[in-house]
């Protein structure tokens, strides 16, 4: 068999493999490769009496184009986690609280990446324990039970006193860090119990959430003696009022958005209500739209996602 015949046979086998594996019709292949349906069918059967080389060249171009589109689609993958400037600031605060065995508070506006940063830190640090408070777990017993579950204490007591003692024995001397997200749901008694637990065991404690966290820990405008006990023990705080320009740039880089139009558009999205959460949701959908067209993620796909999400 000649070299040219080998090339033709290789092309034929590649096209047939894709056709059989993915169920692509001969008509679709013929249309995309600009080969007539009749010529394609005969070429694949090995009975084409015309110029097989010409057909093979067109099909090779189709194969190359298809491979290129697939590589683009593969590249449009949502980053699992993006370490933004705000994330780094949050992590430094958590590291400080753990290393110095102090209390830190992290609070601010929604949609700026607080919860994602906390989850990632806890995943990367086995001695950091994250609990997320909900209205249903805001009471003292429920909050401590959440902590016990995170520690793997599945058979922990369900009464406050014994439960707290069980947790205290487990975490004493670990130099760990308890991270409480959405802690704005907690009331003073729970804050006070967590403070005592932190002091008695020498762990770090990070209380996180919205602006109500700071207001509750300081007693609002009262500055009573009770609240002073809490407030005076806050060693470090970080307030996140909005999205930093560096945060948006980090997201653009992670999504491989290098064009000015794309980067300008996501900056506009980040300025809206929801901030980085809006950007993330929009880019996730834009990536799906781009994947469907076999194109690199661009401004057009982002705008289509915005239109779809906003219903306009």
Protein backbone atom coordinates (compact mmCIF):
# COMPACT_ATOMS: atom_id res chain seq x y z
CA UNK A 1 0.00 0.00 0.00
CA UNK A 2 1.37 3.40 -0.98
CA UNK A 3 1.92 6.23 1.47
CA UNK A 4 -0.99 8.17 -0.01
CA UNK A 5 -3.21 5.12 0.32
CA UNK A 6 -2.17 4.84 3.97
CA UNK A 7 -3.15 8.47 4.58
CA UNK A 8 -6.54 7.95 2.91
CA UNK A 9 -7.16 4.81 4.94
CA UNK A 10 -6.21 6.60 8.19
CA UNK A 11 -8.64 9.41 7.39
CA UNK A 12 -11.39 6.94 6.54
CA UNK A 13 -10.89 5.06 9.82
CA UNK A 14 -10.88 8.29 11.88
CA UNK A 15 -14.13 9.54 10.35
CA UNK A 16 -15.84 6.18 10.76
CA UNK A 17 -14.72 5.95 14.39
CA UNK A 18 -16.24 9.34 15.21
CA UNK A 19 -19.41 8.52 13.27
CA UNK A 20 -19.89 5.21 15.09
CA UNK A 21 -18.91 6.43 18.56
CA UNK A 22 -20.86 9.68 18.61
CA UNK A 23 -23.72 8.82 16.30
CA UNK A 24 -23.04 11.67 13.89
CA UNK A 25 -24.97 11.24 10.67
CA UNK A 26 -23.23 11.05 7.30
CA UNK A 27 -25.32 14.02 6.19
CA UNK A 28 -23.96 16.14 9.06
CA UNK A 29 -20.38 15.15 8.31
CA UNK A 30 -20.90 15.84 4.61
CA UNK A 31 -22.36 19.26 5.32
CA UNK A 32 -19.60 20.31 7.71
CA UNK A 33 -16.78 18.94 5.57
CA UNK A 34 -18.22 20.23 2.27
CA UNK A 35 -18.14 16.74 0.77
CA UNK A 36 -21.23 15.50 -1.03
CA UNK A 37 -23.24 12.90 0.85
CA UNK A 38 -22.89 10.40 -1.98
CA UNK A 39 -19.13 10.87 -2.23
CA UNK A 40 -18.74 10.55 1.53
CA UNK A 41 -20.76 7.34 1.73
CA UNK A 42 -18.77 5.78 -1.10
CA UNK A 43 -15.47 7.00 0.36
CA UNK A 44 -16.24 5.42 3.72
CA UNK A 45 -17.18 2.13 2.03
CA UNK A 46 -14.00 2.23 -0.04
CA UNK A 47 -15.94 2.25 -3.32
CA UNK A 48 -15.49 5.88 -4.37
CA UNK A 49 -14.21 6.02 -7.96
CA UNK A 50 -13.47 9.75 -7.94
CA UNK A 51 -10.44 11.52 -6.48
CA UNK A 52 -10.11 9.95 -3.04
CA UNK A 53 -7.25 12.29 -2.14
CA UNK A 54 -9.44 15.36 -2.55
CA UNK A 55 -12.12 13.86 -0.32
CA UNK A 56 -9.52 12.84 2.27
CA UNK A 57 -8.07 16.38 2.34
CA UNK A 58 -11.51 17.87 3.03
CA UNK A 59 -12.22 15.31 5.72
CA UNK A 60 -8.82 15.90 7.32
CA UNK A 61 -9.68 19.60 7.56
CA UNK A 62 -12.98 18.67 9.15
CA UNK A 63 -11.22 16.42 11.65
CA UNK A 64 -8.70 19.15 12.52
CA UNK A 65 -11.43 21.78 12.88
CA UNK A 66 -13.45 19.47 15.08
CA UNK A 67 -10.46 18.72 17.30
CA UNK A 68 -9.76 22.44 17.63
CA UNK A 69 -13.36 23.13 18.66
CA UNK A 70 -13.22 20.38 21.24
CA UNK A 71 -10.01 21.78 22.72
CA UNK A 72 -11.73 25.15 23.05
CA UNK A 73 -14.70 23.54 24.74
CA UNK A 74 -12.41 21.66 27.10
CA UNK A 75 -10.74 24.94 28.02
CA UNK A 76 -14.05 26.55 28.99
CA UNK A 77 -14.22 24.96 32.43
CA UNK A 78 -15.31 26.81 35.53
CA UNK A 79 -12.36 27.22 37.90
CA UNK A 80 -12.96 25.22 41.08
CA UNK A 81 -11.70 28.02 43.29
CA UNK A 82 -10.14 31.42 42.62
CA UNK A 83 -7.78 32.95 45.15
CA UNK A 84 -8.68 36.62 44.92
CA UNK A 85 -7.19 39.51 46.85
CA UNK A 86 -10.13 39.41 49.25
CA UNK A 87 -9.65 35.67 49.78
CA UNK A 88 -6.00 36.26 50.66
CA UNK A 89 -7.00 38.94 53.17
CA UNK A 90 -9.51 36.58 54.79
CA UNK A 91 -6.99 33.76 54.96
CA UNK A 92 -4.39 35.97 56.62
CA UNK A 93 -6.94 36.85 59.28
CA UNK A 94 -7.77 33.17 59.85
CA UNK A 95 -4.10 32.24 60.07
CA UNK A 96 -3.58 34.99 62.64
CA UNK A 97 -6.52 33.84 64.77
CA UNK A 98 -5.27 30.26 64.75
CA UNK A 99 -1.59 31.02 65.31
CA UNK A 100 -2.23 33.55 68.08
CA UNK A 101 -5.20 31.62 69.53
CA UNK A 102 -7.35 34.72 69.43
CA UNK A 103 -10.79 35.82 68.29
CA UNK A 104 -11.18 37.43 64.87
CA UNK A 105 -14.27 38.70 63.14
CA UNK A 106 -14.81 38.81 59.39
CA UNK A 107 -17.89 40.59 58.17
CA UNK A 108 -19.23 42.58 55.26
CA UNK A 109 -21.53 42.73 52.28
CA UNK A 110 -22.88 39.59 50.60
CA UNK A 111 -21.50 38.18 47.38
CA UNK A 112 -17.85 39.11 47.92
CA UNK A 113 -16.50 35.58 48.42
CA UNK A 114 -16.45 35.27 52.21
CA UNK A 115 -18.11 31.86 52.51
CA UNK A 116 -16.13 30.35 49.63
CA UNK A 117 -12.89 31.55 51.22
CA UNK A 118 -13.86 30.02 54.56
CA UNK A 119 -14.79 26.67 53.01
CA UNK A 120 -11.55 26.47 51.05
CA UNK A 121 -9.46 27.35 54.10
CA UNK A 122 -11.16 24.62 56.15
CA UNK A 123 -10.63 22.08 53.37
CA UNK A 124 -6.94 22.89 53.16
CA UNK A 125 -6.35 22.94 56.91
CA UNK A 126 -7.35 19.77 58.77
CA UNK A 127 -7.20 21.53 62.14
CA UNK A 128 -9.69 24.20 61.06
CA UNK A 129 -13.35 23.42 61.68
CA UNK A 130 -16.08 25.24 59.80
CA UNK A 131 -19.70 25.37 60.88
CA UNK A 132 -22.38 27.39 59.13
CA UNK A 133 -25.18 28.71 61.29
CA UNK A 134 -28.78 28.65 60.11
CA UNK A 135 -31.89 29.83 61.93
CA UNK A 136 -32.51 26.19 62.86
CA UNK A 137 -29.03 25.81 64.40
CA UNK A 138 -28.72 29.20 66.11
CA UNK A 139 -29.56 28.00 69.63
CA UNK A 140 -26.77 27.02 72.01
CA UNK A 141 -27.36 23.27 71.88
CA UNK A 142 -27.83 23.22 68.10
CA UNK A 143 -24.72 25.33 67.51
CA UNK A 144 -22.60 23.08 69.73
CA UNK A 145 -24.13 20.01 68.07
CA UNK A 146 -23.05 21.35 64.67
CA UNK A 147 -19.53 21.75 66.03
CA UNK A 148 -19.59 18.25 67.52
CA UNK A 149 -20.69 16.76 64.19
CA UNK A 150 -17.87 18.58 62.40
CA UNK A 151 -15.42 17.16 64.95
CA UNK A 152 -16.74 13.66 64.28
CA UNK A 153 -18.35 13.33 67.71
CA UNK A 154 -21.43 11.52 66.45
CA UNK A 155 -22.40 10.20 69.89
CA UNK A 156 -22.02 13.52 71.71
CA UNK A 157 -24.62 14.38 74.39
CA UNK A 158 -27.56 16.58 73.45
CA UNK A 159 -27.59 18.69 76.62
CA UNK A 160 -25.59 21.91 76.72
CA UNK A 161 -23.36 21.18 79.72
CA UNK A 162 -22.20 17.64 78.85
CA UNK A 163 -22.00 18.58 75.16
CA UNK A 164 -19.70 21.52 75.85
CA UNK A 165 -17.47 19.40 78.10
CA UNK A 166 -17.20 16.72 75.42
CA UNK A 167 -16.18 19.29 72.83
CA UNK A 168 -13.75 20.93 75.23
CA UNK A 169 -11.93 17.65 75.86
CA UNK A 170 -11.72 16.99 72.12
CA UNK A 171 -10.23 20.34 71.06
CA UNK A 172 -8.03 21.19 74.05
CA UNK A 173 -4.38 21.35 73.03
CA UNK A 174 -5.07 21.01 69.31
CA UNK A 175 -4.17 24.61 68.39
CA UNK A 176 -7.14 24.42 66.06
CA UNK A 177 -9.44 27.07 64.66
CA UNK A 178 -13.23 27.20 64.85
CA UNK A 179 -14.74 29.18 61.97
CA UNK A 180 -18.39 30.14 62.42
CA UNK A 181 -19.98 31.37 59.20
CA UNK A 182 -23.34 33.17 59.15
CA UNK A 183 -22.75 33.85 62.85
CA UNK A 184 -25.05 36.88 62.64
CA UNK A 185 -27.84 34.38 63.43
CA UNK A 186 -26.41 33.80 66.93
CA UNK A 187 -27.50 35.58 70.09
CA UNK A 188 -25.39 36.85 72.97
CA UNK A 189 -25.53 33.65 75.07
CA UNK A 190 -24.08 31.55 72.24
CA UNK A 191 -21.37 34.10 71.51
CA UNK A 192 -20.43 34.05 75.19
CA UNK A 193 -20.28 30.24 75.27
CA UNK A 194 -18.02 30.22 72.21
CA UNK A 195 -15.80 32.85 73.79
CA UNK A 196 -15.38 30.77 76.94
CA UNK A 197 -14.75 27.64 74.89
CA UNK A 198 -12.04 29.46 72.97
CA UNK A 199 -10.38 30.79 76.10
CA UNK A 200 -10.46 27.49 77.97
CA UNK A 201 -9.08 25.37 75.13
CA UNK A 202 -6.63 27.79 73.50
CA UNK A 203 -8.04 27.47 70.00
CA UNK A 204 -8.61 30.31 67.58
CA UNK A 205 -12.12 31.54 66.84
CA UNK A 206 -13.32 33.35 63.73
CA UNK A 207 -16.84 34.77 63.72
CA UNK A 208 -18.03 35.60 60.22
CA UNK A 209 -21.12 36.95 58.52
CA UNK A 210 -22.78 40.19 57.56
CA UNK A 211 -22.57 43.56 59.31
CA UNK A 212 -24.88 42.33 62.08
CA UNK A 213 -21.98 40.28 63.46
CA UNK A 214 -20.09 43.37 64.55
CA UNK A 215 -23.23 45.07 65.78
CA UNK A 216 -24.20 42.07 67.92
CA UNK A 217 -20.72 41.56 69.34
CA UNK A 218 -20.51 45.18 70.39
CA UNK A 219 -24.04 45.32 71.75
CA UNK A 220 -25.08 47.90 69.19
CA UNK A 221 -24.89 51.27 70.86
CA UNK A 222 -25.08 49.98 74.41
CA UNK A 223 -21.44 49.05 75.21
CA UNK A 224 -22.72 47.30 78.36
CA UNK A 225 -20.34 45.41 80.61
CA UNK A 226 -21.61 42.09 79.26
CA UNK A 227 -20.88 42.99 75.67
CA UNK A 228 -17.58 44.59 76.65
CA UNK A 229 -16.35 41.15 77.68
CA UNK A 230 -16.87 40.01 74.12
CA UNK A 231 -15.77 43.11 72.31
CA UNK A 232 -12.54 43.52 74.26
CA UNK A 233 -11.41 40.06 73.20
CA UNK A 234 -11.65 40.70 69.47
CA UNK A 235 -8.00 40.72 68.43
CA UNK A 236 -8.46 41.31 64.71
CA UNK A 237 -11.28 42.25 62.38
CA UNK A 238 -11.65 42.55 58.64
CA UNK A 239 -14.50 44.48 57.06
CA UNK A 240 -15.35 43.71 53.43
CA UNK A 241 -17.43 46.52 52.04
CA UNK A 242 -17.23 45.66 48.35
CA UNK A 243 -15.40 43.95 45.54
CA UNK A 244 -11.78 44.92 44.96
CA UNK A 245 -10.52 45.57 41.44
CA UNK A 246 -7.94 42.84 42.03
CA UNK A 247 -10.73 40.35 42.77
CA UNK A 248 -12.32 40.91 39.38
CA UNK A 249 -8.94 40.72 37.63
CA UNK A 250 -8.20 37.40 39.34
CA UNK A 251 -11.53 35.99 38.15
CA UNK A 252 -10.91 37.21 34.60
CA UNK A 253 -7.47 35.59 34.63
CA UNK A 254 -8.83 32.30 35.97
CA UNK A 255 -11.42 32.22 33.20
CA UNK A 256 -8.75 33.14 30.63
CA UNK A 257 -10.60 36.31 29.68
CA UNK A 258 -7.90 38.47 28.14
CA UNK A 259 -9.99 40.82 26.00
CA UNK A 260 -10.78 44.34 27.16
CA UNK A 261 -14.48 43.93 26.32
CA UNK A 262 -14.87 40.80 28.42
CA UNK A 263 -12.99 42.21 31.40
CA UNK A 264 -14.88 45.49 31.26
CA UNK A 265 -18.17 43.62 31.20
CA UNK A 266 -17.46 41.49 34.25
CA UNK A 267 -16.33 44.59 36.15
CA UNK A 268 -19.77 46.03 35.44
CA UNK A 269 -21.39 42.82 36.66
CA UNK A 270 -19.30 42.86 39.85
CA UNK A 271 -20.64 46.32 40.65
CA UNK A 272 -24.22 45.02 40.71
CA UNK A 273 -26.09 43.58 43.65
CA UNK A 274 -24.67 40.14 44.35
CA UNK A 275 -21.18 41.22 43.31
CA UNK A 276 -18.86 38.26 42.67
CA UNK A 277 -21.70 35.77 43.11
CA UNK A 278 -23.40 37.41 40.13
CA UNK A 279 -20.17 37.25 38.14
CA UNK A 280 -19.66 33.56 38.96
CA UNK A 281 -23.23 32.58 38.07
CA UNK A 282 -23.06 34.53 34.82
CA UNK A 283 -19.73 33.06 33.74
CA UNK A 284 -20.90 29.53 34.54
CA UNK A 285 -23.86 29.97 32.19
CA UNK A 286 -21.76 31.80 29.59
CA UNK A 287 -19.34 28.86 29.55
CA UNK A 288 -22.22 26.48 28.82
CA UNK A 289 -23.40 28.72 25.99
CA UNK A 290 -19.86 28.88 24.57
CA UNK A 291 -19.54 25.12 24.88
CA UNK A 292 -22.70 24.65 22.87
CA UNK A 293 -21.28 26.71 20.01
CA UNK A 294 -17.79 25.22 20.20
CA UNK A 295 -16.32 28.69 20.65
CA UNK A 296 -13.98 30.33 23.12
CA UNK A 297 -15.76 32.20 25.91
CA UNK A 298 -16.30 35.78 24.79
CA UNK A 299 -18.28 38.95 25.45
CA UNK A 300 -21.12 37.66 23.26
CA UNK A 301 -21.61 34.58 25.44
CA UNK A 302 -21.42 36.62 28.64
CA UNK A 303 -24.04 39.07 27.38
CA UNK A 304 -26.26 36.16 26.33
CA UNK A 305 -25.94 34.74 29.85
CA UNK A 306 -26.81 38.11 31.40
CA UNK A 307 -29.88 38.37 29.21
CA UNK A 308 -30.96 34.86 30.10
CA UNK A 309 -30.44 35.31 33.85
CA UNK A 310 -32.07 38.73 34.03
CA UNK A 311 -34.92 37.71 31.74
CA UNK A 312 -34.58 40.71 29.44
